C-alpha atoms as a PDB file:
ATOM      1  CA  MET A   1      66.204  96.285  63.163  1.00  0.00           C
ATOM      2  CA  THR A   2      68.831  93.610  62.623  1.00  0.00           C
ATOM      3  CA  SER A   3      72.167  93.651  60.884  1.00  0.00           C
ATOM      4  CA  GLN A   4      74.200  90.826  59.397  1.00  0.00           C
ATOM      5  CA  HIS A   5      77.134  92.148  61.423  1.00  0.00           C
ATOM      6  CA  TRP A   6      75.222  91.390  64.618  1.00  0.00           C
ATOM      7  CA  GLU A   7      75.148  87.731  63.608  1.00  0.00           C
ATOM      8  CA  THR A   8      78.416  87.061  61.768  1.00  0.00           C
ATOM      9  CA  THR A   9      81.916  88.478  61.533  1.00  0.00           C
ATOM     10  CA  PRO A  10      83.336  89.696  58.207  1.00  0.00           C
ATOM     11  CA  ALA A  11      84.923  86.243  57.774  1.00  0.00           C
ATOM     12  CA  GLY A  12      81.538  84.570  58.269  1.00  0.00           C
ATOM     13  CA  LYS A  13      82.043  83.242  61.800  1.00  0.00           C
ATOM     14  CA  ARG A  14      78.788  83.134  63.745  1.00  0.00           C
ATOM     15  CA  ARG A  15      78.414  85.447  66.702  1.00  0.00           C
ATOM     16  CA  ALA A  16      76.200  84.952  69.757  1.00  0.00           C
ATOM     17  CA  ARG A  17      73.198  86.593  68.096  1.00  0.00           C
ATOM     18  CA  GLY A  18      73.781  84.427  65.037  1.00  0.00           C
ATOM     19  CA  LEU A  19      73.291  81.381  67.274  1.00  0.00           C
ATOM     20  CA  GLY A  20      69.976  82.789  68.449  1.00  0.00           C
ATOM     21  CA  LEU A  21      71.073  83.989  71.871  1.00  0.00           C
ATOM     22  CA  GLN A  22      68.592  86.588  73.091  1.00  0.00           C
ATOM     23  CA  LEU A  23      70.962  89.197  74.423  1.00  0.00           C
ATOM     24  CA  PRO A  24      69.539  92.472  75.793  1.00  0.00           C
ATOM     25  CA  GLY A  25      69.885  95.901  74.249  1.00  0.00           C
ATOM     26  CA  ALA A  26      69.990  97.484  70.799  1.00  0.00           C
ATOM     27  CA  PRO A  27      73.404  97.311  69.102  1.00  0.00           C
ATOM     28  CA  GLY A  28      74.736  99.788  66.604  1.00  0.00           C
ATOM     29  CA  THR A  29      75.166  98.916  62.930  1.00  0.00           C
ATOM     30  CA  HIS A  30      78.230  96.722  63.398  1.00  0.00           C
ATOM     31  CA  ASN A  31      77.695  95.733  67.041  1.00  0.00           C
ATOM     32  CA  ALA A  32      81.275  96.804  67.708  1.00  0.00           C
ATOM     33  CA  ILE A  33      83.291  99.588  69.288  1.00  0.00           C
ATOM     34  CA  THR A  34      83.660 101.075  65.799  1.00  0.00           C
ATOM     35  CA  ASP A  35      80.005 102.113  65.971  1.00  0.00           C
ATOM     36  CA  VAL A  36      81.303 105.032  68.051  1.00  0.00           C
ATOM     37  CA  ALA A  37      82.079 107.504  65.286  1.00  0.00           C
ATOM     38  CA  GLY A  38      85.789 107.958  64.692  1.00  0.00           C
ATOM     39  CA  VAL A  39      87.011 104.855  66.546  1.00  0.00           C
ATOM     40  CA  GLU A  40      89.250 102.659  64.370  1.00  0.00           C
ATOM     41  CA  VAL A  41      90.702  99.209  65.110  1.00  0.00           C
ATOM     42  CA  GLY A  42      93.436  97.272  63.332  1.00  0.00           C
ATOM     43  CA  TYR A  43      95.145  93.901  63.778  1.00  0.00           C
ATOM     44  CA  THR A  44      98.407  92.159  63.123  1.00  0.00           C
ATOM     45  CA  THR A  45      97.965  88.394  63.553  1.00  0.00           C
ATOM     46  CA  LEU A  46     100.965  86.062  63.845  1.00  0.00           C
ATOM     47  CA  ILE A  47     100.366  82.342  63.283  1.00  0.00           C
ATOM     48  CA  GLU A  48     103.587  80.574  62.346  1.00  0.00           C
ATOM     49  CA  ALA A  49     104.760  76.945  62.500  1.00  0.00           C
ATOM     50  CA  ASP A  50     103.419  75.138  65.580  1.00  0.00           C
ATOM     51  CA  HIS A  51     104.513  77.586  68.260  1.00  0.00           C
ATOM     52  CA  VAL A  52     103.706  81.199  67.301  1.00  0.00           C
ATOM     53  CA  ARG A  53     100.133  82.219  68.141  1.00  0.00           C
ATOM     54  CA  THR A  54     100.122  85.908  68.971  1.00  0.00           C
ATOM     55  CA  GLY A  55      99.691  89.423  67.568  1.00  0.00           C
ATOM     56  CA  VAL A  56      98.847  93.061  68.199  1.00  0.00           C
ATOM     57  CA  THR A  57      95.628  95.058  68.242  1.00  0.00           C
ATOM     58  CA  GLY A  58      95.804  98.791  67.545  1.00  0.00           C
ATOM     59  CA  LEU A  59      92.969 101.145  68.486  1.00  0.00           C
ATOM     60  CA  LEU A  60      92.735 104.807  67.464  1.00  0.00           C
ATOM     61  CA  PRO A  61      90.183 106.601  69.694  1.00  0.00           C
ATOM     62  CA  ARG A  62      89.527 109.384  67.161  1.00  0.00           C
ATOM     63  CA  GLY A  63      90.831 107.596  64.103  1.00  0.00           C
ATOM     64  CA  ARG A  64      93.977 108.465  62.219  1.00  0.00           C
ATOM     65  CA  ASP A  65      92.722 111.949  61.330  1.00  0.00           C
ATOM     66  CA  GLY A  66      92.119 112.788  64.992  1.00  0.00           C
ATOM     67  CA  ALA A  67      95.080 110.943  66.511  1.00  0.00           C
ATOM     68  CA  ASP A  68      96.560 114.207  67.798  1.00  0.00           C
ATOM     69  CA  THR A  69      93.440 115.164  69.762  1.00  0.00           C
ATOM     70  CA  PRO A  70      93.010 113.858  73.326  1.00  0.00           C
ATOM     71  CA  CYS A  71      89.861 112.297  74.774  1.00  0.00           C
ATOM     72  CA  MET A  72      88.399 112.510  78.238  1.00  0.00           C
ATOM     73  CA  ALA A  73      89.237 109.170  79.874  1.00  0.00           C
ATOM     74  CA  GLY A  74      89.299 107.132  83.057  1.00  0.00           C
ATOM     75  CA  THR A  75      90.665 103.750  84.102  1.00  0.00           C
ATOM     76  CA  TYR A  76      89.859 101.060  86.639  1.00  0.00           C
ATOM     77  CA  SER A  77      91.614  97.878  87.754  1.00  0.00           C
ATOM     78  CA  LEU A  78      89.534  95.068  89.244  1.00  0.00           C
ATOM     79  CA  ASN A  79      92.672  92.984  89.806  1.00  0.00           C
ATOM     80  CA  GLY A  80      96.115  94.348  89.104  1.00  0.00           C
ATOM     81  CA  ASN A  81      98.032  91.241  88.040  1.00  0.00           C
ATOM     82  CA  GLY A  82      98.625  92.726  84.592  1.00  0.00           C
ATOM     83  CA  GLU A  83      99.751  95.835  82.760  1.00  0.00           C
ATOM     84  CA  MET A  84      98.274  98.837  81.019  1.00  0.00           C
ATOM     85  CA  THR A  85     100.872 101.560  80.531  1.00  0.00           C
ATOM     86  CA  GLY A  86     100.007 105.239  80.550  1.00  0.00           C
ATOM     87  CA  THR A  87      97.281 104.923  83.175  1.00  0.00           C
ATOM     88  CA  ILE A  88      99.058 107.019  85.814  1.00  0.00           C
ATOM     89  CA  TRP A  89      98.904 110.077  83.550  1.00  0.00           C
ATOM     90  CA  ILE A  90      95.286 109.344  82.648  1.00  0.00           C
ATOM     91  CA  GLU A  91      94.515 109.178  86.371  1.00  0.00           C
ATOM     92  CA  GLU A  92      96.315 112.494  86.902  1.00  0.00           C
ATOM     93  CA  ALA A  93      95.106 114.471  83.890  1.00  0.00           C
ATOM     94  CA  GLY A  94      91.871 112.696  82.926  1.00  0.00           C
ATOM     95  CA  GLU A  95      92.851 112.505  79.277  1.00  0.00           C
ATOM     96  CA  LEU A  96      93.876 109.830  76.787  1.00  0.00           C
ATOM     97  CA  GLN A  97      96.443 111.324  74.405  1.00  0.00           C
ATOM     98  CA  THR A  98      97.616 108.341  72.343  1.00  0.00           C
ATOM     99  CA  PRO A  99      96.521 105.271  70.429  1.00  0.00           C
ATOM    100  CA  ILE A 100      96.030 102.031  72.374  1.00  0.00           C
ATOM    101  CA  THR A 101      97.802  98.749  71.663  1.00  0.00           C
ATOM    102  CA  ILE A 102      96.944  95.352  73.144  1.00  0.00           C
ATOM    103  CA  THR A 103      99.255  92.351  72.861  1.00  0.00           C
ATOM    104  CA  ASN A 104     100.842  89.553  74.907  1.00  0.00           C
ATOM    105  CA  THR A 105     102.545  90.050  78.256  1.00  0.00           C
ATOM    106  CA  ALA A 106     106.124  89.841  76.977  1.00  0.00           C
ATOM    107  CA  SER A 107     105.499  92.323  74.164  1.00  0.00           C
ATOM    108  CA  CYS A 108     103.699  95.134  75.985  1.00  0.00           C
ATOM    109  CA  GLY A 109     106.810  97.317  76.138  1.00  0.00           C
ATOM    110  CA  VAL A 110     107.546  96.711  72.459  1.00  0.00           C
ATOM    111  CA  THR A 111     104.130  97.949  71.372  1.00  0.00           C
ATOM    112  CA  ARG A 112     104.255 100.893  73.768  1.00  0.00           C
ATOM    113  CA  ASP A 113     107.534 102.111  72.286  1.00  0.00           C
ATOM    114  CA  ALA A 114     106.343 101.351  68.758  1.00  0.00           C
ATOM    115  CA  THR A 115     103.362 103.646  69.304  1.00  0.00           C
ATOM    116  CA  LEU A 116     105.731 106.532  69.971  1.00  0.00           C
ATOM    117  CA  ARG A 117     107.632 105.697  66.794  1.00  0.00           C
ATOM    118  CA  TRP A 118     104.369 105.496  64.832  1.00  0.00           C
ATOM    119  CA  LEU A 119     103.300 108.902  66.093  1.00  0.00           C
ATOM    120  CA  LEU A 120     106.695 110.378  65.211  1.00  0.00           C
ATOM    121  CA  GLU A 121     106.901 108.810  61.760  1.00  0.00           C
ATOM    122  CA  ASN A 122     103.385 110.023  60.955  1.00  0.00           C
ATOM    123  CA  ASP A 123     104.069 113.509  62.326  1.00  0.00           C
ATOM    124  CA  ILE A 124     101.305 113.189  64.904  1.00  0.00           C
ATOM    125  CA  GLY A 125     101.806 115.243  68.060  1.00  0.00           C
ATOM    126  CA  THR A 126     100.514 114.577  71.571  1.00  0.00           C
ATOM    127  CA  GLY A 127     100.482 118.216  72.689  1.00  0.00           C
ATOM    128  CA  GLN A 128     104.004 118.098  74.114  1.00  0.00           C
ATOM    129  CA  ASP A 129     107.460 116.804  73.203  1.00  0.00           C
ATOM    130  CA  TRP A 130     106.873 113.441  74.856  1.00  0.00           C
ATOM    131  CA  GLY A 131     104.173 110.804  75.056  1.00  0.00           C
ATOM    132  CA  LEU A 132     102.941 108.127  77.438  1.00  0.00           C
ATOM    133  CA  PRO A 133     101.223 105.577  75.191  1.00  0.00           C
ATOM    134  CA  VAL A 134      98.641 103.128  76.455  1.00  0.00           C
ATOM    135  CA  ALA A 135      99.734  99.529  75.890  1.00  0.00           C
ATOM    136  CA  ALA A 136      97.977  96.598  77.547  1.00  0.00           C
ATOM    137  CA  GLU A 137      98.542  92.846  77.693  1.00  0.00           C
ATOM    138  CA  THR A 138      97.196  89.419  78.529  1.00  0.00           C
ATOM    139  CA  TYR A 139      99.193  86.179  78.712  1.00  0.00           C
ATOM    140  CA  ASP A 140      99.169  83.819  75.714  1.00  0.00           C
ATOM    141  CA  GLY A 141     102.047  81.562  76.777  1.00  0.00           C
ATOM    142  CA  GLU A 142     100.013  78.359  76.771  1.00  0.00           C
ATOM    143  CA  LEU A 143      99.532  78.381  73.004  1.00  0.00           C
ATOM    144  CA  ASN A 144     102.281  80.827  72.034  1.00  0.00           C
ATOM    145  CA  ASP A 145     106.053  80.821  72.442  1.00  0.00           C
ATOM    146  CA  ILE A 146     105.741  84.006  74.470  1.00  0.00           C
ATOM    147  CA  ASN A 147     109.389  84.114  75.505  1.00  0.00           C
ATOM    148  CA  GLY A 148     110.416  83.965  71.862  1.00  0.00           C
ATOM    149  CA  PHE A 149     109.487  87.673  71.581  1.00  0.00           C
ATOM    150  CA  HIS A 150     107.926  87.291  68.147  1.00  0.00           C
ATOM    151  CA  VAL A 151     106.028  90.601  68.205  1.00  0.00           C
ATOM    152  CA  THR A 152     108.115  93.428  66.784  1.00  0.00           C
ATOM    153  CA  ALA A 153     107.727  97.189  66.600  1.00  0.00           C
ATOM    154  CA  GLN A 154     106.809  96.839  62.938  1.00  0.00           C
ATOM    155  CA  HIS A 155     103.953  94.484  63.816  1.00  0.00           C
ATOM    156  CA  ALA A 156     102.561  97.100  66.209  1.00  0.00           C
ATOM    157  CA  MET A 157     102.909  99.912  63.681  1.00  0.00           C
ATOM    158  CA  THR A 158     101.220  97.759  61.036  1.00  0.00           C
ATOM    159  CA  ALA A 159      98.257  97.180  63.353  1.00  0.00           C
ATOM    160  CA  LEU A 160      97.951 100.952  63.812  1.00  0.00           C
ATOM    161  CA  ASP A 161      98.325 101.513  60.061  1.00  0.00           C
ATOM    162  CA  ASN A 162      95.572  98.929  59.445  1.00  0.00           C
ATOM    163  CA  ALA A 163      93.130 100.533  61.887  1.00  0.00           C
ATOM    164  CA  ALA A 164      89.760 101.204  60.290  1.00  0.00           C
ATOM    165  CA  SER A 165      86.118 101.782  61.127  1.00  0.00           C
ATOM    166  CA  GLY A 166      83.319  99.395  60.147  1.00  0.00           C
ATOM    167  CA  PRO A 167      82.721  95.730  60.994  1.00  0.00           C
ATOM    168  CA  LEU A 168      85.375  93.978  63.065  1.00  0.00           C
ATOM    169  CA  GLU A 169      86.771  90.491  62.736  1.00  0.00           C
ATOM    170  CA  MET A 170      86.660  88.649  66.055  1.00  0.00           C
ATOM    171  CA  GLY A 171      88.123  85.590  67.716  1.00  0.00           C
ATOM    172  CA  SER A 172      91.750  84.548  67.214  1.00  0.00           C
ATOM    173  CA  VAL A 173      92.971  87.794  65.676  1.00  0.00           C
ATOM    174  CA  GLY A 174      95.377  90.548  66.697  1.00  0.00           C
ATOM    175  CA  GLY A 175      96.493  90.534  70.308  1.00  0.00           C
ATOM    176  CA  GLY A 176      93.809  87.952  71.043  1.00  0.00           C
ATOM    177  CA  THR A 177      95.281  85.302  68.728  1.00  0.00           C
ATOM    178  CA  GLY A 178      96.546  83.001  71.472  1.00  0.00           C
ATOM    179  CA  MET A 179      94.013  83.713  74.217  1.00  0.00           C
ATOM    180  CA  ILE A 180      91.742  81.335  76.165  1.00  0.00           C
ATOM    181  CA  THR A 181      88.512  82.010  78.117  1.00  0.00           C
ATOM    182  CA  TYR A 182      86.803  79.525  80.422  1.00  0.00           C
ATOM    183  CA  GLU A 183      89.214  76.977  78.890  1.00  0.00           C
ATOM    184  CA  TYR A 184      87.806  77.517  75.390  1.00  0.00           C
ATOM    185  CA  LYS A 185      89.550  79.313  72.544  1.00  0.00           C
ATOM    186  CA  ALA A 186      88.885  83.023  72.831  1.00  0.00           C
ATOM    187  CA  GLY A 187      90.594  86.289  71.973  1.00  0.00           C
ATOM    188  CA  SER A 188      89.368  89.596  70.534  1.00  0.00           C
ATOM    189  CA  ALA A 189      85.731  90.696  70.403  1.00  0.00           C
ATOM    190  CA  SER A 190      83.498  93.729  70.599  1.00  0.00           C
ATOM    191  CA  ALA A 191      79.896  94.861  71.006  1.00  0.00           C
ATOM    192  CA  SER A 192      77.936  98.126  71.053  1.00  0.00           C
ATOM    193  CA  ARG A 193      74.684  99.618  72.287  1.00  0.00           C
ATOM    194  CA  LEU A 194      72.559 102.577  71.259  1.00  0.00           C
ATOM    195  CA  VAL A 195      71.425 104.598  74.276  1.00  0.00           C
ATOM    196  CA  GLU A 196      68.485 107.000  74.282  1.00  0.00           C
ATOM    197  CA  LEU A 197      68.702 109.912  76.697  1.00  0.00           C
ATOM    198  CA  GLY A 198      65.795 112.281  76.165  1.00  0.00           C
ATOM    199  CA  ALA A 199      65.979 113.568  72.597  1.00  0.00           C
ATOM    200  CA  ALA A 200      69.619 112.497  72.229  1.00  0.00           C
ATOM    201  CA  GLN A 201      71.032 109.147  71.126  1.00  0.00           C
ATOM    202  CA  TYR A 202      74.506 108.023  72.133  1.00  0.00           C
ATOM    203  CA  THR A 203      76.601 104.958  71.370  1.00  0.00           C
ATOM    204  CA  VAL A 204      78.613 102.841  73.803  1.00  0.00           C
ATOM    205  CA  GLY A 205      81.072 100.290  72.441  1.00  0.00           C
ATOM    206  CA  THR A 206      83.373  97.852  74.203  1.00  0.00           C
ATOM    207  CA  PHE A 207      86.391  95.944  72.900  1.00  0.00           C
ATOM    208  CA  VAL A 208      87.855  93.052  74.897  1.00  0.00           C
ATOM    209  CA  GLN A 209      90.954  90.899  74.772  1.00  0.00           C
ATOM    210  CA  SER A 210      89.519  87.979  76.713  1.00  0.00           C
ATOM    211  CA  ASN A 211      91.751  85.442  78.458  1.00  0.00           C
ATOM    212  CA  PHE A 212      90.383  84.322  81.841  1.00  0.00           C
ATOM    213  CA  GLY A 213      88.245  81.872  83.810  1.00  0.00           C
ATOM    214  CA  LEU A 214      87.799  78.173  84.528  1.00  0.00           C
ATOM    215  CA  ARG A 215      85.285  75.937  82.756  1.00  0.00           C
ATOM    216  CA  PRO A 216      82.900  75.321  85.703  1.00  0.00           C
ATOM    217  CA  GLU A 217      82.418  79.077  86.078  1.00  0.00           C
ATOM    218  CA  LEU A 218      81.123  79.682  82.555  1.00  0.00           C
ATOM    219  CA  THR A 219      77.617  81.144  82.627  1.00  0.00           C
ATOM    220  CA  VAL A 220      75.585  82.087  79.550  1.00  0.00           C
ATOM    221  CA  LEU A 221      72.300  83.995  79.874  1.00  0.00           C
ATOM    222  CA  GLY A 222      72.206  83.060  83.534  1.00  0.00           C
ATOM    223  CA  VAL A 223      72.678  79.321  82.926  1.00  0.00           C
ATOM    224  CA  PRO A 224      75.813  77.732  84.477  1.00  0.00           C
ATOM    225  CA  VAL A 225      76.594  75.814  81.292  1.00  0.00           C
ATOM    226  CA  GLY A 226      80.256  75.272  82.145  1.00  0.00           C
ATOM    227  CA  ARG A 227      79.347  72.638  84.725  1.00  0.00           C
ATOM    228  CA  ASP A 228      77.975  70.430  81.969  1.00  0.00           C
ATOM    229  CA  LEU A 229      80.344  71.286  79.123  1.00  0.00           C
ATOM    230  CA  GLU A 230      83.179  68.896  79.811  1.00  0.00           C
ATOM    231  CA  GLY A 231      86.226  68.000  77.758  1.00  0.00           C
ATOM    232  CA  GLY A 232      89.403  69.750  76.717  1.00  0.00           C
ATOM    233  CA  GLU A 233      90.009  71.552  80.005  1.00  0.00           C
ATOM    234  CA  CYS A 234      93.499  73.054  79.872  1.00  0.00           C
ATOM    235  CA  ARG A 235      94.047  75.066  83.052  1.00  0.00           C
ATOM    236  CA  SER A 236      94.592  73.832  86.583  1.00  0.00           C
ATOM    237  CA  ARG A 237      93.913  77.241  88.142  1.00  0.00           C
ATOM    238  CA  GLY A 238      92.273  80.523  87.243  1.00  0.00           C
ATOM    239  CA  SER A 239      95.069  82.128  85.278  1.00  0.00           C
ATOM    240  CA  GLY A 240      94.785  84.658  82.469  1.00  0.00           C
ATOM    241  CA  SER A 241      93.492  88.222  82.262  1.00  0.00           C
ATOM    242  CA  ILE A 242      91.105  90.548  80.436  1.00  0.00           C
ATOM    243  CA  ILE A 243      91.571  94.002  78.969  1.00  0.00           C
ATOM    244  CA  ALA A 244      88.442  96.012  78.178  1.00  0.00           C
ATOM    245  CA  ILE A 245      88.317  99.314  76.295  1.00  0.00           C
ATOM    246  CA  VAL A 246      85.010 101.228  76.489  1.00  0.00           C
ATOM    247  CA  ALA A 247      84.267 104.063  74.069  1.00  0.00           C
ATOM    248  CA  THR A 248      81.310 106.424  73.888  1.00  0.00           C
ATOM    249  CA  ASP A 249      80.302 109.585  72.077  1.00  0.00           C
ATOM    250  CA  ALA A 250      78.313 110.738  75.112  1.00  0.00           C
ATOM    251  CA  PRO A 251      79.794 113.922  76.626  1.00  0.00           C
ATOM    252  CA  LEU A 252      81.498 112.771  79.808  1.00  0.00           C
ATOM    253  CA  LEU A 253      84.004 114.172  82.277  1.00  0.00           C
ATOM    254  CA  PRO A 254      87.006 112.065  83.321  1.00  0.00           C
ATOM    255  CA  HIS A 255      85.438 110.929  86.591  1.00  0.00           C
ATOM    256  CA  GLN A 256      82.386 109.792  84.617  1.00  0.00           C
ATOM    257  CA  CYS A 257      84.585 107.807  82.226  1.00  0.00           C
ATOM    258  CA  LYS A 258      86.090 106.105  85.258  1.00  0.00           C
ATOM    259  CA  ARG A 259      82.581 105.295  86.462  1.00  0.00           C
ATOM    260  CA  LEU A 260      81.913 103.538  83.147  1.00  0.00           C
ATOM    261  CA  ALA A 261      85.170 101.587  83.484  1.00  0.00           C
ATOM    262  CA  ARG A 262      84.115 100.497  86.974  1.00  0.00           C
ATOM    263  CA  ARG A 263      80.990  98.823  85.492  1.00  0.00           C
ATOM    264  CA  VAL A 264      83.022  96.405  83.342  1.00  0.00           C
ATOM    265  CA  PRO A 265      83.262  93.798  86.156  1.00  0.00           C
ATOM    266  CA  LEU A 266      79.461  93.606  86.315  1.00  0.00           C
ATOM    267  CA  GLY A 267      79.415  92.433  82.703  1.00  0.00           C
ATOM    268  CA  LEU A 268      82.213  89.958  83.410  1.00  0.00           C
ATOM    269  CA  ALA A 269      80.292  88.595  86.388  1.00  0.00           C
ATOM    270  CA  ARG A 270      77.348  87.767  84.121  1.00  0.00           C
ATOM    271  CA  THR A 271      79.662  85.301  82.342  1.00  0.00           C
ATOM    272  CA  GLY A 272      80.589  83.639  85.627  1.00  0.00           C
ATOM    273  CA  THR A 273      84.049  84.805  86.624  1.00  0.00           C
ATOM    274  CA  THR A 274      85.036  85.487  90.218  1.00  0.00           C
ATOM    275  CA  GLY A 275      88.190  87.473  89.389  1.00  0.00           C
ATOM    276  CA  HIS A 276      91.080  85.153  90.149  1.00  0.00           C
ATOM    277  CA  ASN A 277      94.221  86.286  91.975  1.00  0.00           C
ATOM    278  CA  SER A 278      96.440  85.737  88.932  1.00  0.00           C
ATOM    279  CA  SER A 279      94.128  87.531  86.494  1.00  0.00           C
ATOM    280  CA  GLY A 280      94.944  91.062  85.360  1.00  0.00           C
ATOM    281  CA  ASP A 281      91.551  92.728  84.875  1.00  0.00           C
ATOM    282  CA  ILE A 282      92.206  96.277  83.698  1.00  0.00           C
ATOM    283  CA  PHE A 283      89.792  98.637  81.968  1.00  0.00           C
ATOM    284  CA  LEU A 284      89.823 102.015  80.223  1.00  0.00           C
ATOM    285  CA  ALA A 285      86.874 104.170  79.144  1.00  0.00           C
ATOM    286  CA  PHE A 286      87.001 107.269  76.963  1.00  0.00           C
ATOM    287  CA  SER A 287      84.617 109.810  75.432  1.00  0.00           C
ATOM    288  CA  THR A 288      85.018 111.196  71.921  1.00  0.00           C
ATOM    289  CA  ALA A 289      82.791 114.207  72.681  1.00  0.00           C
ATOM    290  CA  ASN A 290      84.148 117.674  73.450  1.00  0.00           C
ATOM    291  CA  ARG A 291      86.813 117.490  70.767  1.00  0.00           C
ATOM    292  CA  GLN A 292      88.183 120.961  71.560  1.00  0.00           C
ATOM    293  CA  ALA A 293      88.014 120.788  75.349  1.00  0.00           C
ATOM    294  CA  LEU A 294      91.514 119.448  76.012  1.00  0.00           C
ATOM    295  CA  LEU A 295      93.399 121.612  73.540  1.00  0.00           C
ATOM    296  CA  SER A 296      95.827 123.957  75.229  1.00  0.00           C
ATOM    297  CA  GLY A 297      95.286 127.670  75.654  1.00  0.00           C
ATOM    298  CA  GLY A 298      92.796 129.668  77.682  1.00  0.00           C
ATOM    299  CA  VAL A 299      89.404 128.807  79.111  1.00  0.00           C
ATOM    300  CA  ARG A 300      87.600 125.898  77.503  1.00  0.00           C
ATOM    301  CA  HIS A 301      83.869 125.228  77.457  1.00  0.00           C
ATOM    302  CA  LEU A 302      82.424 121.737  77.228  1.00  0.00           C
ATOM    303  CA  ASP A 303      79.255 119.728  77.538  1.00  0.00           C
ATOM    304  CA  ALA A 304      78.745 116.983  80.116  1.00  0.00           C
ATOM    305  CA  LEU A 305      75.882 114.786  81.192  1.00  0.00           C
ATOM    306  CA  ALA A 306      74.721 115.036  84.783  1.00  0.00           C
ATOM    307  CA  ASP A 307      75.780 112.085  86.926  1.00  0.00           C
ATOM    308  CA  ASN A 308      72.151 111.145  87.520  1.00  0.00           C
ATOM    309  CA  GLU A 309      71.759 110.626  83.754  1.00  0.00           C
ATOM    310  CA  LEU A 310      74.427 107.917  83.516  1.00  0.00           C
ATOM    311  CA  ASP A 311      72.439 104.782  84.394  1.00  0.00           C
ATOM    312  CA  PRO A 312      71.608 103.885  80.751  1.00  0.00           C
ATOM    313  CA  LEU A 313      75.308 104.184  79.896  1.00  0.00           C
ATOM    314  CA  PHE A 314      76.209 101.932  82.823  1.00  0.00           C
ATOM    315  CA  GLN A 315      73.720  99.358  81.549  1.00  0.00           C
ATOM    316  CA  ALA A 316      75.216  99.573  78.065  1.00  0.00           C
ATOM    317  CA  VAL A 317      78.698  98.876  79.441  1.00  0.00           C
ATOM    318  CA  VAL A 318      77.495  95.800  81.316  1.00  0.00           C
ATOM    319  CA  GLU A 319      75.650  94.456  78.264  1.00  0.00           C
ATOM    320  CA  THR A 320      78.472  95.067  75.796  1.00  0.00           C
ATOM    321  CA  VAL A 321      81.078  93.470  78.056  1.00  0.00           C
ATOM    322  CA  GLU A 322      78.954  90.350  78.510  1.00  0.00           C
ATOM    323  CA  GLU A 323      78.275  90.026  74.783  1.00  0.00           C
ATOM    324  CA  ALA A 324      81.871  90.686  73.758  1.00  0.00           C
ATOM    325  CA  VAL A 325      83.198  87.979  76.084  1.00  0.00           C
ATOM    326  CA  LEU A 326      80.686  85.490  74.686  1.00  0.00           C
ATOM    327  CA  ASP A 327      81.563  86.448  71.106  1.00  0.00           C
ATOM    328  CA  ALA A 328      85.270  85.999  71.833  1.00  0.00           C
ATOM    329  CA  MET A 329      84.491  82.309  72.357  1.00  0.00           C
ATOM    330  CA  ILE A 330      81.566  81.767  69.986  1.00  0.00           C
ATOM    331  CA  ALA A 331      83.183  83.438  66.940  1.00  0.00           C
ATOM    332  CA  ASN A 332      86.198  81.194  67.191  1.00  0.00           C
ATOM    333  CA  GLU A 333      87.765  77.886  66.177  1.00  0.00           C
ATOM    334  CA  THR A 334      89.828  75.159  67.811  1.00  0.00           C
ATOM    335  CA  MET A 335      93.549  76.017  67.834  1.00  0.00           C
ATOM    336  CA  ALA A 336      96.660  73.898  68.290  1.00  0.00           C
ATOM    337  CA  GLY A 337      99.830  75.561  69.547  1.00  0.00           C
ATOM    338  CA  ARG A 338     103.092  75.091  71.379  1.00  0.00           C
ATOM    339  CA  ASN A 339     103.861  71.968  73.400  1.00  0.00           C
ATOM    340  CA  ALA A 340     101.230  70.070  71.405  1.00  0.00           C
ATOM    341  CA  LEU A 341      98.429  71.854  73.284  1.00  0.00           C
ATOM    342  CA  THR A 342      95.058  72.018  71.550  1.00  0.00           C
ATOM    343  CA  VAL A 343      92.394  74.379  72.890  1.00  0.00           C
ATOM    344  CA  ARG A 344      88.858  73.547  71.798  1.00  0.00           C
ATOM    345  CA  ALA A 345      86.331  75.981  70.424  1.00  0.00           C
ATOM    346  CA  LEU A 346      83.126  76.397  72.410  1.00  0.00           C
ATOM    347  CA  PRO A 347      80.766  73.741  70.953  1.00  0.00           C
ATOM    348  CA  HIS A 348      77.778  75.640  69.567  1.00  0.00           C
ATOM    349  CA  ASP A 349      75.360  72.705  69.464  1.00  0.00           C
ATOM    350  CA  ASP A 350      76.094  71.601  73.032  1.00  0.00           C
ATOM    351  CA  LEU A 351      75.727  75.180  74.269  1.00  0.00           C
ATOM    352  CA  LEU A 352      72.390  75.623  72.519  1.00  0.00           C
ATOM    353  CA  GLU A 353      71.065  72.336  73.882  1.00  0.00           C
ATOM    354  CA  LEU A 354      71.787  73.439  77.442  1.00  0.00           C
ATOM    355  CA  LEU A 355      70.214  76.833  76.863  1.00  0.00           C
ATOM    356  CA  ARG A 356      67.083  75.261  75.346  1.00  0.00           C
ATOM    357  CA  LYS A 357      66.690  73.011  78.376  1.00  0.00           C
ATOM    358  CA  ASN A 358      66.641  76.139  80.499  1.00  0.00           C
ATOM    359  CA  GLY A 359      64.293  78.112  78.223  1.00  0.00           C
ATOM    360  CA  ARG A 360      66.892  80.650  77.089  1.00  0.00           C
ATOM    361  CA  VAL A 361      66.608  80.107  73.315  1.00  0.00           C
END
């Protein structure tokens, strides 16, 4: 089975599979985190004059209709030079109670507070009279006037209002608008996998805001293509970060969600990164199963997979992370920004030529 959404974004930008890259695994219908039933994603993209290149991504784990119902969740940080708010409570309680926003470093607090306002204005409770929203960031200050504080609370609330299921636009959209990966234009992207476990089928989806790596590190399908793709390098050291959100409908306990989050670096490693000191590499995984398990009051009963059943889910995380990072670059275009900086798009033809030489396409 193939789907047009595996190959192109809604705006018609080609994805990795649309270039003919033979990536492993069977994606869901949209090859995106929204293939996990209920998950909704929305964007606010800010491109203004020659210096504003930023935005906000809003993610609703159970959609707007289920925004008051927690999910089992776990987090993991490969390198902590970054921010994801709300993770201390997730670590303590094992539950994700709020929407997720992803933006630039200087605006993380704005979107966190805006999430609380959005919940209040929409009369959505979190189970108590307070909330600890998850807001994450990566740095877009090379292309964007980050210290101009252009992201507002309204931008964050609009991203949450716009959240929807279905196919996702990718590349320079939402919080990923000004991001760079392996010194090519990157940003927001997603991928999914269908996982068969006995008679049951589950979905794993990953969303990334990708902003890391140096050109010589770039590896595609095992080929170190970055060594031969020269021109337009824009970083003198391995700065940047990556946020990854993993969703699944498989019934998992919080420690099992954390185990999924811990597999994200294996997918990143397939693309070549070594995890630089200045990179904030922070990941969250949640399960939409067991909808009633975290509601207050009395004894609760829930389903959970045995730990020895998790290997196919681990594999799905690794595959979706790798593909999403590649799509963040491939489904993108050259962008000019502040200080007359231009960041090139990954050249499709040059990439394919190198992969053909190595028998990968």
